[in-house]
Amino acid sequence: MALEQISLKIDTPTGDTVPGRGFYQLEEDSLYVQVGEYRDNRGFFNFLESNTVRFDIDKSGRLLLIEVTLPRRRWEVDSELTAPTIAESADIRWLDFRARLPEPKLVTNPKQTALLIQFAPDGSWRWFQLAEAVLIQADRNHCLTAVMITDIEDDLAGRQIAAFRHQTRQKDRRRTKQSHSRRSISG
């Protein structure tokens, strides 16, 4: 049985906006959206899925990865699709797990560089920025109504997503090193 609503916990963010973007795997005809920094210790714990979309979630309820298995040639094209002009930064936790999602509507722009994964009709409440190119729309009850990926790049053999993960690891290491050096200077 599919969930009727996908519950979220939405709080004020405690840090910088995390990296996130979409990579369309040409040989698989699937979209993978990396959300947050890729670390070995940040592992998969839960999932929510439909026939075409899967959300992988870590132990703390944070979204790790979105997978869309419906080929983009079958996504609905909307020439008016644009990212919202206002999206609040937020720390979003997914409260449901290991459940079936209702089948979403998948809408893309003509260049197929953005995707709206829509669970409820337009007119829902607010947009939140989950990651650099990943937005979440929620209703007044903090239930998910849509996810929008605003930056999708074609990828062959996983090269682009691997480079993105490597780049985010390097940034994380630099931040950690700077944090340690600030502590040793102030300590």
Protein backbone atom coordinates (compact mmCIF):
# COMPACT_ATOMS: atom_id res chain seq x y z
CA MET A 1 0.00 0.00 0.00
CA ALA A 2 1.37 3.41 -0.98
CA LEU A 3 1.71 6.29 1.44
CA GLU A 4 -0.95 8.95 1.05
CA GLN A 5 1.42 11.64 2.34
CA ILE A 6 5.19 11.78 2.80
CA SER A 7 5.97 13.34 6.18
CA LEU A 8 8.91 15.69 6.67
CA LYS A 9 10.47 17.43 9.64
CA ILE A 10 11.54 20.92 8.54
CA ASP A 11 13.84 22.99 10.76
CA THR A 12 16.11 26.00 10.49
CA PRO A 13 19.40 24.96 8.86
CA THR A 14 22.47 24.59 11.07
CA GLY A 15 25.12 24.95 8.38
CA ASP A 16 25.86 25.85 4.79
CA THR A 17 23.79 24.61 1.87
CA VAL A 18 25.03 21.15 0.96
CA PRO A 19 26.05 20.21 -2.57
CA GLY A 20 23.52 18.44 -4.74
CA ARG A 21 22.79 17.99 -8.43
CA GLY A 22 21.46 15.52 -10.97
CA PHE A 23 23.37 13.20 -13.26
CA TYR A 24 21.52 11.52 -16.10
CA GLN A 25 23.22 8.20 -16.80
CA LEU A 26 22.96 7.88 -20.59
CA GLU A 27 23.69 4.16 -20.77
CA GLU A 28 21.10 3.34 -18.08
CA ASP A 29 18.47 5.94 -19.04
CA SER A 30 18.23 6.81 -15.33
CA LEU A 31 18.68 9.96 -13.29
CA TYR A 32 20.76 9.95 -10.09
CA VAL A 33 20.65 12.99 -7.85
CA GLN A 34 23.41 13.19 -5.26
CA VAL A 35 22.25 15.11 -2.17
CA GLY A 36 24.88 16.24 0.32
CA GLU A 37 28.50 15.35 0.60
CA TYR A 38 29.46 11.83 -0.36
CA ARG A 39 31.19 10.13 2.56
CA ASP A 40 31.84 6.49 3.32
CA ASN A 41 30.42 6.88 6.85
CA ARG A 42 27.18 8.49 5.59
CA GLY A 43 25.45 5.31 4.66
CA PHE A 44 22.11 4.23 3.33
CA PHE A 45 19.58 3.21 5.99
CA ASN A 46 16.07 3.59 4.57
CA PHE A 47 14.19 4.16 1.36
CA LEU A 48 10.90 5.32 -0.06
CA GLU A 49 10.05 4.17 -3.57
CA SER A 50 7.52 4.04 -6.35
CA ASN A 51 7.82 2.23 -9.67
CA THR A 52 9.80 5.16 -11.11
CA VAL A 53 11.35 7.10 -8.19
CA ARG A 54 13.39 6.06 -5.18
CA PHE A 55 14.63 8.18 -2.26
CA ASP A 56 17.58 6.78 -0.27
CA ILE A 57 17.77 8.11 3.30
CA ASP A 58 20.46 7.92 6.00
CA LYS A 59 20.00 7.02 9.71
CA SER A 60 19.28 10.61 10.72
CA GLY A 61 16.49 10.94 8.12
CA ARG A 62 18.47 13.02 5.62
CA LEU A 63 18.08 12.40 1.92
CA LEU A 64 21.18 10.86 0.30
CA LEU A 65 20.16 10.06 -3.24
CA ILE A 66 17.22 10.30 -5.59
CA GLU A 67 16.95 7.77 -8.39
CA VAL A 68 14.51 8.18 -11.28
CA THR A 69 14.28 5.08 -13.47
CA LEU A 70 11.71 6.34 -15.96
CA PRO A 71 13.68 7.39 -19.07
CA ARG A 72 13.59 11.13 -19.69
CA ARG A 73 12.05 10.67 -23.13
CA ARG A 74 8.91 9.70 -21.17
CA TRP A 75 8.94 12.74 -18.84
CA GLU A 76 6.28 15.33 -19.60
CA VAL A 77 7.82 18.46 -21.18
CA ASP A 78 6.65 21.86 -19.98
CA SER A 79 8.19 24.90 -21.67
CA GLU A 80 7.07 27.04 -18.70
CA LEU A 81 8.84 24.96 -16.03
CA THR A 82 11.15 27.16 -13.96
CA ALA A 83 12.62 27.01 -10.48
CA PRO A 84 10.78 28.96 -7.81
CA THR A 85 12.18 32.43 -7.13
CA ILE A 86 11.98 31.98 -3.36
CA ALA A 87 13.16 28.88 -1.52
CA GLU A 88 14.03 28.97 2.16
CA SER A 89 17.11 27.13 3.41
CA ALA A 90 16.09 24.25 5.65
CA ASP A 91 17.26 21.16 7.46
CA ILE A 92 14.82 18.54 6.21
CA ARG A 93 14.40 15.07 7.68
CA TRP A 94 12.30 12.33 6.12
CA LEU A 95 10.05 10.69 8.71
CA ASP A 96 8.60 7.83 6.64
CA PHE A 97 10.66 4.85 5.58
CA ARG A 98 10.52 1.54 3.74
CA ALA A 99 7.22 2.40 2.12
CA ARG A 100 5.70 2.69 -1.32
CA LEU A 101 5.35 6.19 -2.70
CA PRO A 102 2.39 7.32 -4.72
CA GLU A 103 3.40 7.45 -8.39
CA PRO A 104 4.61 11.02 -9.06
CA LYS A 105 4.17 13.12 -12.15
CA LEU A 106 7.57 13.80 -13.80
CA VAL A 107 7.85 17.14 -15.61
CA THR A 108 10.95 18.54 -17.32
CA ASN A 109 11.94 21.65 -19.24
CA PRO A 110 12.61 21.45 -23.02
CA LYS A 111 16.39 21.11 -22.51
CA GLN A 112 15.83 18.39 -19.85
CA THR A 113 18.15 20.15 -17.40
CA ALA A 114 15.49 20.37 -14.68
CA LEU A 115 12.96 17.90 -13.32
CA LEU A 116 9.89 18.37 -11.16
CA ILE A 117 8.85 15.23 -9.27
CA GLN A 118 5.30 16.14 -8.32
CA PHE A 119 3.27 14.26 -5.70
CA ALA A 120 0.45 16.82 -5.31
CA PRO A 121 -1.08 19.40 -7.62
CA ASP A 122 0.31 22.92 -8.00
CA GLY A 123 -0.62 25.48 -5.39
CA SER A 124 1.10 23.75 -2.50
CA TRP A 125 2.59 25.82 0.24
CA ARG A 126 6.36 26.58 0.36
CA TRP A 127 9.65 25.70 -1.31
CA PHE A 128 12.77 24.82 0.68
CA GLN A 129 16.34 24.45 -0.52
CA LEU A 130 17.59 21.02 0.47
CA ALA A 131 20.84 21.21 -1.53
CA GLU A 132 22.43 23.49 -4.13
CA ALA A 133 20.23 22.26 -7.01
CA VAL A 134 17.58 20.32 -5.07
CA LEU A 135 14.40 21.97 -3.83
CA ILE A 136 11.58 20.50 -1.78
CA GLN A 137 8.00 21.73 -1.73
CA ALA A 138 5.88 21.01 1.34
CA ASP A 139 2.34 21.78 2.37
CA ARG A 140 1.25 23.41 5.63
CA ASN A 141 1.42 20.05 7.41
CA HIS A 142 5.04 19.51 6.35
CA CYS A 143 4.13 16.79 3.87
CA LEU A 144 6.11 16.53 0.65
CA THR A 145 4.29 17.78 -2.43
CA ALA A 146 7.20 18.04 -4.91
CA VAL A 147 10.94 17.78 -5.43
CA MET A 148 12.70 19.87 -8.06
CA ILE A 149 16.17 19.22 -9.42
CA THR A 150 17.36 22.40 -11.12
CA ASP A 151 20.70 21.20 -12.51
CA ILE A 152 20.85 17.93 -14.46
CA GLU A 153 23.93 16.99 -16.43
CA ASP A 154 24.36 14.15 -18.93
CA ASP A 155 26.77 11.52 -17.66
CA LEU A 156 28.40 8.57 -19.36
CA ALA A 157 29.80 5.66 -17.35
CA GLY A 158 29.35 7.60 -14.10
CA ARG A 159 32.29 9.91 -14.79
CA GLN A 160 30.53 13.17 -13.90
CA ILE A 161 28.95 11.90 -10.68
CA ALA A 162 32.29 10.40 -9.62
CA ALA A 163 34.03 13.74 -10.25
CA PHE A 164 31.27 15.54 -8.31
CA ARG A 165 31.68 13.16 -5.36
CA HIS A 166 35.46 13.58 -5.45
CA GLN A 167 35.09 17.37 -5.54
CA THR A 168 32.70 17.39 -2.56
CA ARG A 169 35.04 15.12 -0.57
CA GLN A 170 37.93 17.51 -1.26
CA LYS A 171 35.86 20.52 -0.10
CA ASP A 172 34.83 18.62 3.03
CA ARG A 173 38.47 17.76 3.81
CA ARG A 174 39.52 21.40 3.36
CA ARG A 175 36.70 22.58 5.65
CA THR A 176 37.63 20.00 8.28
CA LYS A 177 41.31 20.99 8.06
CA GLN A 178 40.45 24.70 8.40
CA SER A 179 38.19 23.95 11.36
CA HIS A 180 40.97 21.99 13.10
CA SER A 181 43.52 24.73 12.46
CA ARG A 182 41.14 27.41 13.84
CA ARG A 183 40.62 25.33 16.98
CA SER A 184 44.36 24.90 17.51
CA ILE A 185 44.96 28.64 17.04
CA SER A 186 42.20 29.65 19.43
CA GLY A 187 42.98 26.87 21.92
